[in-house]
Amino acid sequence: MRASVSDDLTPGSDEHWEAVHTGLAADHVIALGQVAYWSARIDTTLPVLAAALIRASDRPRTRKQAEVVGLTFSAIFAKTSALVAELDAADQVRVLFERDASAVQKAMEDRNHLLHAYWLRGPREPAVAQRTRRGGTTTTPFSAADVERVAADLTNVSDRVWLIYAVADGIMGYQEVTG
């Protein structure tokens, strides 16, 4: 069901906007948009991190081994992890990546559950995300606050992934502040 939204939704706009009724409250939809945005940042930063590691490596690679664009998150994460494992154990990029890798993987798994689910909404909070995979169906209640927490986790880890890329590509140096 679609309903026209008033033109004053975007002041000064001559465009006509329509609202698509999802059955979810606006705060859920906004939080899901944030999950999509920040996870896309991770999806686009990991390939450039892998490319930076390939450029810095002295190991010969075939064209297929050097391919980093168009891969799923799991594939590019595995490739990046393997490239990081080639670095010296004390290398700053390896230390940073290994420190954050499990948080990145967990946040992206949460993203998958949220964005690839069929959402059910009853008369009361929370909404329910239902995801069917080979192993069966997982049904998880998610309040808007739960979705916002996933978005915040993705924000933090996407910043960490970008920092690791910036260090790997020589854009910036990194120094841990203690104290």
C-alpha atoms as a PDB file:
ATOM      1  CA  MET A   1       0.000   0.000   0.000  1.00  0.00           C
ATOM      2  CA  ARG A   2       1.377   3.413  -0.945  1.00  0.00           C
ATOM      3  CA  ALA A   3       0.315   6.858   0.185  1.00  0.00           C
ATOM      4  CA  SER A   4       1.543  10.247  -0.972  1.00  0.00           C
ATOM      5  CA  VAL A   5       3.671  12.144   1.490  1.00  0.00           C
ATOM      6  CA  SER A   6       3.354  15.898   1.738  1.00  0.00           C
ATOM      7  CA  ASP A   7       5.782  17.998  -0.277  1.00  0.00           C
ATOM      8  CA  ASP A   8       6.970  19.714   2.897  1.00  0.00           C
ATOM      9  CA  LEU A   9       8.788  16.517   3.901  1.00  0.00           C
ATOM     10  CA  THR A  10      11.795  17.880   2.008  1.00  0.00           C
ATOM     11  CA  PRO A  11      11.549  21.678   2.102  1.00  0.00           C
ATOM     12  CA  GLY A  12      12.299  23.281  -1.257  1.00  0.00           C
ATOM     13  CA  SER A  13      11.992  20.036  -3.169  1.00  0.00           C
ATOM     14  CA  ASP A  14       9.900  19.859  -6.323  1.00  0.00           C
ATOM     15  CA  GLU A  15      10.001  16.054  -6.236  1.00  0.00           C
ATOM     16  CA  HIS A  16       7.001  14.015  -5.174  1.00  0.00           C
ATOM     17  CA  TRP A  17       7.807  11.487  -2.473  1.00  0.00           C
ATOM     18  CA  GLU A  18       5.902   8.344  -1.684  1.00  0.00           C
ATOM     19  CA  ALA A  19       5.979   6.314   1.497  1.00  0.00           C
ATOM     20  CA  VAL A  20       6.085   2.545   1.287  1.00  0.00           C
ATOM     21  CA  HIS A  21       4.354   0.982   4.263  1.00  0.00           C
ATOM     22  CA  THR A  22       6.521  -1.830   5.579  1.00  0.00           C
ATOM     23  CA  GLY A  23       4.590  -2.517   8.743  1.00  0.00           C
ATOM     24  CA  LEU A  24       7.643  -1.473  10.728  1.00  0.00           C
ATOM     25  CA  ALA A  25       7.761   1.658  12.820  1.00  0.00           C
ATOM     26  CA  ALA A  26       9.774   4.571  11.424  1.00  0.00           C
ATOM     27  CA  ASP A  27      12.531   4.120  14.017  1.00  0.00           C
ATOM     28  CA  HIS A  28      13.039   0.521  12.842  1.00  0.00           C
ATOM     29  CA  VAL A  29      13.237   1.580   9.204  1.00  0.00           C
ATOM     30  CA  ILE A  30      15.669   4.414   9.986  1.00  0.00           C
ATOM     31  CA  ALA A  31      17.896   2.091  12.025  1.00  0.00           C
ATOM     32  CA  LEU A  32      17.836  -0.517   9.213  1.00  0.00           C
ATOM     33  CA  GLY A  33      18.960   2.215   6.807  1.00  0.00           C
ATOM     34  CA  GLN A  34      21.887   2.979   9.107  1.00  0.00           C
ATOM     35  CA  VAL A  35      22.767  -0.738   9.234  1.00  0.00           C
ATOM     36  CA  ALA A  36      22.748  -0.832   5.425  1.00  0.00           C
ATOM     37  CA  TYR A  37      24.875   2.317   5.111  1.00  0.00           C
ATOM     38  CA  TRP A  38      27.599   1.342   7.588  1.00  0.00           C
ATOM     39  CA  SER A  39      27.807  -2.263   6.403  1.00  0.00           C
ATOM     40  CA  ALA A  40      28.184  -1.007   2.817  1.00  0.00           C
ATOM     41  CA  ARG A  41      31.137   1.063   4.017  1.00  0.00           C
ATOM     42  CA  ILE A  42      32.771  -2.121   5.309  1.00  0.00           C
ATOM     43  CA  ASP A  43      31.915  -3.928   2.053  1.00  0.00           C
ATOM     44  CA  THR A  44      33.668  -1.184   0.060  1.00  0.00           C
ATOM     45  CA  THR A  45      36.654  -0.658   2.364  1.00  0.00           C
ATOM     46  CA  LEU A  46      37.737  -4.298   2.672  1.00  0.00           C
ATOM     47  CA  PRO A  47      38.545  -4.629  -1.060  1.00  0.00           C
ATOM     48  CA  VAL A  48      40.711  -1.489  -1.006  1.00  0.00           C
ATOM     49  CA  LEU A  49      42.454  -2.820   2.115  1.00  0.00           C
ATOM     50  CA  ALA A  50      43.099  -6.111   0.305  1.00  0.00           C
ATOM     51  CA  ALA A  51      44.343  -4.217  -2.755  1.00  0.00           C
ATOM     52  CA  ALA A  52      46.734  -2.177  -0.578  1.00  0.00           C
ATOM     53  CA  LEU A  53      48.090  -5.397   0.956  1.00  0.00           C
ATOM     54  CA  ILE A  54      48.537  -6.965  -2.485  1.00  0.00           C
ATOM     55  CA  ARG A  55      50.387  -3.867  -3.776  1.00  0.00           C
ATOM     56  CA  ALA A  56      52.684  -3.875  -0.733  1.00  0.00           C
ATOM     57  CA  SER A  57      53.442  -7.589  -1.007  1.00  0.00           C
ATOM     58  CA  ASP A  58      56.464  -8.903  -2.840  1.00  0.00           C
ATOM     59  CA  ARG A  59      54.749 -12.246  -3.524  1.00  0.00           C
ATOM     60  CA  PRO A  60      53.796 -12.894  -7.150  1.00  0.00           C
ATOM     61  CA  ARG A  61      50.065 -13.329  -7.682  1.00  0.00           C
ATOM     62  CA  THR A  62      47.976 -14.435 -10.611  1.00  0.00           C
ATOM     63  CA  ARG A  63      45.275 -12.113 -11.881  1.00  0.00           C
ATOM     64  CA  LYS A  64      42.643 -14.263 -10.133  1.00  0.00           C
ATOM     65  CA  GLN A  65      44.567 -14.182  -6.839  1.00  0.00           C
ATOM     66  CA  ALA A  66      44.718 -10.398  -7.049  1.00  0.00           C
ATOM     67  CA  GLU A  67      40.989  -9.987  -7.749  1.00  0.00           C
ATOM     68  CA  VAL A  68      39.272  -8.107  -4.936  1.00  0.00           C
ATOM     69  CA  VAL A  69      36.233  -6.451  -6.533  1.00  0.00           C
ATOM     70  CA  GLY A  70      32.813  -8.056  -6.721  1.00  0.00           C
ATOM     71  CA  LEU A  71      33.354 -10.604  -3.974  1.00  0.00           C
ATOM     72  CA  THR A  72      30.884 -11.365  -1.210  1.00  0.00           C
ATOM     73  CA  PHE A  73      31.722 -10.146   2.271  1.00  0.00           C
ATOM     74  CA  SER A  74      32.755 -13.656   3.332  1.00  0.00           C
ATOM     75  CA  ALA A  75      35.066 -14.067   0.336  1.00  0.00           C
ATOM     76  CA  ILE A  76      36.752 -10.676   0.649  1.00  0.00           C
ATOM     77  CA  PHE A  77      37.041 -11.080   4.421  1.00  0.00           C
ATOM     78  CA  ALA A  78      38.723 -14.476   3.954  1.00  0.00           C
ATOM     79  CA  LYS A  79      41.040 -13.069   1.275  1.00  0.00           C
ATOM     80  CA  THR A  80      41.940 -10.045   3.422  1.00  0.00           C
ATOM     81  CA  SER A  81      42.539 -12.290   6.438  1.00  0.00           C
ATOM     82  CA  ALA A  82      44.895 -14.479   4.379  1.00  0.00           C
ATOM     83  CA  LEU A  83      46.782 -11.419   3.135  1.00  0.00           C
ATOM     84  CA  VAL A  84      47.108 -10.093   6.693  1.00  0.00           C
ATOM     85  CA  ALA A  85      48.399 -13.501   7.838  1.00  0.00           C
ATOM     86  CA  GLU A  86      51.311 -13.098   5.378  1.00  0.00           C
ATOM     87  CA  LEU A  87      52.517 -10.059   7.341  1.00  0.00           C
ATOM     88  CA  ASP A  88      55.041 -10.256  10.148  1.00  0.00           C
ATOM     89  CA  ALA A  89      53.339 -10.991  13.488  1.00  0.00           C
ATOM     90  CA  ALA A  90      54.427  -7.604  14.852  1.00  0.00           C
ATOM     91  CA  ASP A  91      53.325  -5.648  11.759  1.00  0.00           C
ATOM     92  CA  GLN A  92      50.992  -2.847  12.792  1.00  0.00           C
ATOM     93  CA  VAL A  93      48.399  -3.684  10.149  1.00  0.00           C
ATOM     94  CA  ARG A  94      48.318  -7.317  11.268  1.00  0.00           C
ATOM     95  CA  VAL A  95      48.004  -6.355  14.930  1.00  0.00           C
ATOM     96  CA  LEU A  96      45.154  -3.926  14.198  1.00  0.00           C
ATOM     97  CA  PHE A  97      43.313  -6.309  11.871  1.00  0.00           C
ATOM     98  CA  GLU A  98      43.579  -9.295  14.198  1.00  0.00           C
ATOM     99  CA  ARG A  99      42.358  -7.169  17.103  1.00  0.00           C
ATOM    100  CA  ASP A 100      39.226  -6.098  15.203  1.00  0.00           C
ATOM    101  CA  ALA A 101      38.509  -9.054  12.882  1.00  0.00           C
ATOM    102  CA  SER A 102      36.065 -10.890  15.143  1.00  0.00           C
ATOM    103  CA  ALA A 103      34.102  -7.685  15.849  1.00  0.00           C
ATOM    104  CA  VAL A 104      33.876  -6.975  12.104  1.00  0.00           C
ATOM    105  CA  GLN A 105      32.692 -10.503  11.381  1.00  0.00           C
ATOM    106  CA  LYS A 106      30.111 -10.426  14.208  1.00  0.00           C
ATOM    107  CA  ALA A 107      28.727  -7.027  13.160  1.00  0.00           C
ATOM    108  CA  MET A 108      28.380  -8.187   9.547  1.00  0.00           C
ATOM    109  CA  GLU A 109      26.655 -11.427  10.650  1.00  0.00           C
ATOM    110  CA  ASP A 110      24.194  -9.287  12.623  1.00  0.00           C
ATOM    111  CA  ARG A 111      23.753  -7.144   9.495  1.00  0.00           C
ATOM    112  CA  ASN A 112      22.934 -10.238   7.456  1.00  0.00           C
ATOM    113  CA  HIS A 113      20.311 -11.345   9.941  1.00  0.00           C
ATOM    114  CA  LEU A 114      18.685  -7.912   9.930  1.00  0.00           C
ATOM    115  CA  LEU A 115      18.842  -7.039   6.232  1.00  0.00           C
ATOM    116  CA  HIS A 116      18.160 -10.494   4.796  1.00  0.00           C
ATOM    117  CA  ALA A 117      15.250 -11.294   7.086  1.00  0.00           C
ATOM    118  CA  TYR A 118      11.544 -11.249   6.557  1.00  0.00           C
ATOM    119  CA  TRP A 119      10.206  -8.825   9.150  1.00  0.00           C
ATOM    120  CA  LEU A 120       7.073  -9.618  11.111  1.00  0.00           C
ATOM    121  CA  ARG A 121       5.326  -7.061  13.227  1.00  0.00           C
ATOM    122  CA  GLY A 122       2.752  -7.869  15.867  1.00  0.00           C
ATOM    123  CA  PRO A 123       0.635  -5.466  17.866  1.00  0.00           C
ATOM    124  CA  ARG A 124       3.467  -4.811  20.310  1.00  0.00           C
ATOM    125  CA  GLU A 125       7.226  -4.309  20.163  1.00  0.00           C
ATOM    126  CA  PRO A 126       9.565  -5.807  19.295  1.00  0.00           C
ATOM    127  CA  ALA A 127       9.358  -6.626  15.632  1.00  0.00           C
ATOM    128  CA  VAL A 128      10.602 -10.067  14.643  1.00  0.00           C
ATOM    129  CA  ALA A 129      13.241 -10.826  11.997  1.00  0.00           C
ATOM    130  CA  GLN A 130      12.785 -14.264  10.476  1.00  0.00           C
ATOM    131  CA  ARG A 131      15.593 -15.673   8.349  1.00  0.00           C
ATOM    132  CA  THR A 132      15.563 -19.047   6.635  1.00  0.00           C
ATOM    133  CA  ARG A 133      18.826 -20.708   5.695  1.00  0.00           C
ATOM    134  CA  ARG A 134      19.866 -24.278   4.893  1.00  0.00           C
ATOM    135  CA  GLY A 135      20.070 -25.082   8.608  1.00  0.00           C
ATOM    136  CA  GLY A 136      16.519 -23.932   9.302  1.00  0.00           C
ATOM    137  CA  THR A 137      14.655 -20.798  10.230  1.00  0.00           C
ATOM    138  CA  THR A 138      15.872 -18.353  12.859  1.00  0.00           C
ATOM    139  CA  THR A 139      13.327 -16.035  14.414  1.00  0.00           C
ATOM    140  CA  THR A 140      14.732 -13.198  16.512  1.00  0.00           C
ATOM    141  CA  PRO A 141      12.884 -10.312  18.150  1.00  0.00           C
ATOM    142  CA  PHE A 142      14.570  -6.947  17.483  1.00  0.00           C
ATOM    143  CA  SER A 143      13.422  -3.719  19.053  1.00  0.00           C
ATOM    144  CA  ALA A 144      14.375  -0.500  17.298  1.00  0.00           C
ATOM    145  CA  ALA A 145      17.011  -0.008  20.020  1.00  0.00           C
ATOM    146  CA  ASP A 146      18.491  -3.448  19.176  1.00  0.00           C
ATOM    147  CA  VAL A 147      18.771  -2.475  15.508  1.00  0.00           C
ATOM    148  CA  GLU A 148      20.324   0.873  16.503  1.00  0.00           C
ATOM    149  CA  ARG A 149      22.948  -1.019  18.558  1.00  0.00           C
ATOM    150  CA  VAL A 150      23.881  -3.093  15.500  1.00  0.00           C
ATOM    151  CA  ALA A 151      24.129   0.137  13.469  1.00  0.00           C
ATOM    152  CA  ALA A 152      26.403   1.663  16.152  1.00  0.00           C
ATOM    153  CA  ASP A 153      28.603  -1.474  16.149  1.00  0.00           C
ATOM    154  CA  LEU A 154      28.859  -1.300  12.364  1.00  0.00           C
ATOM    155  CA  THR A 155      29.754   2.408  12.578  1.00  0.00           C
ATOM    156  CA  ASN A 156      32.601   1.657  14.970  1.00  0.00           C
ATOM    157  CA  VAL A 157      34.015  -1.314  13.099  1.00  0.00           C
ATOM    158  CA  SER A 158      33.720   0.432   9.719  1.00  0.00           C
ATOM    159  CA  ASP A 159      35.861   3.241  11.129  1.00  0.00           C
ATOM    160  CA  ARG A 160      38.355   0.639  12.371  1.00  0.00           C
ATOM    161  CA  VAL A 161      38.497  -1.061   8.953  1.00  0.00           C
ATOM    162  CA  TRP A 162      39.088   2.291   7.261  1.00  0.00           C
ATOM    163  CA  LEU A 163      41.868   3.082   9.763  1.00  0.00           C
ATOM    164  CA  ILE A 164      43.540  -0.257   9.019  1.00  0.00           C
ATOM    165  CA  TYR A 165      43.313   0.481   5.294  1.00  0.00           C
ATOM    166  CA  ALA A 166      44.795   3.974   5.802  1.00  0.00           C
ATOM    167  CA  VAL A 167      47.740   2.499   7.724  1.00  0.00           C
ATOM    168  CA  ALA A 168      48.235  -0.324   5.193  1.00  0.00           C
ATOM    169  CA  ASP A 169      48.207   2.094   2.256  1.00  0.00           C
ATOM    170  CA  GLY A 170      50.568   4.556   3.957  1.00  0.00           C
ATOM    171  CA  ILE A 171      47.952   7.318   4.120  1.00  0.00           C
ATOM    172  CA  MET A 172      48.576   7.730   7.829  1.00  0.00           C
ATOM    173  CA  GLY A 173      50.613   6.353  10.662  1.00  0.00           C
ATOM    174  CA  TYR A 174      48.999   4.912  13.753  1.00  0.00           C
ATOM    175  CA  GLN A 175      50.165   5.179  17.306  1.00  0.00           C
ATOM    176  CA  GLU A 176      48.305   3.638  20.204  1.00  0.00           C
ATOM    177  CA  VAL A 177      47.735   6.143  22.980  1.00  0.00           C
ATOM    178  CA  THR A 178      48.086   4.725  26.457  1.00  0.00           C
ATOM    179  CA  GLY A 179      47.658   6.447  29.656  1.00  0.00           C
END
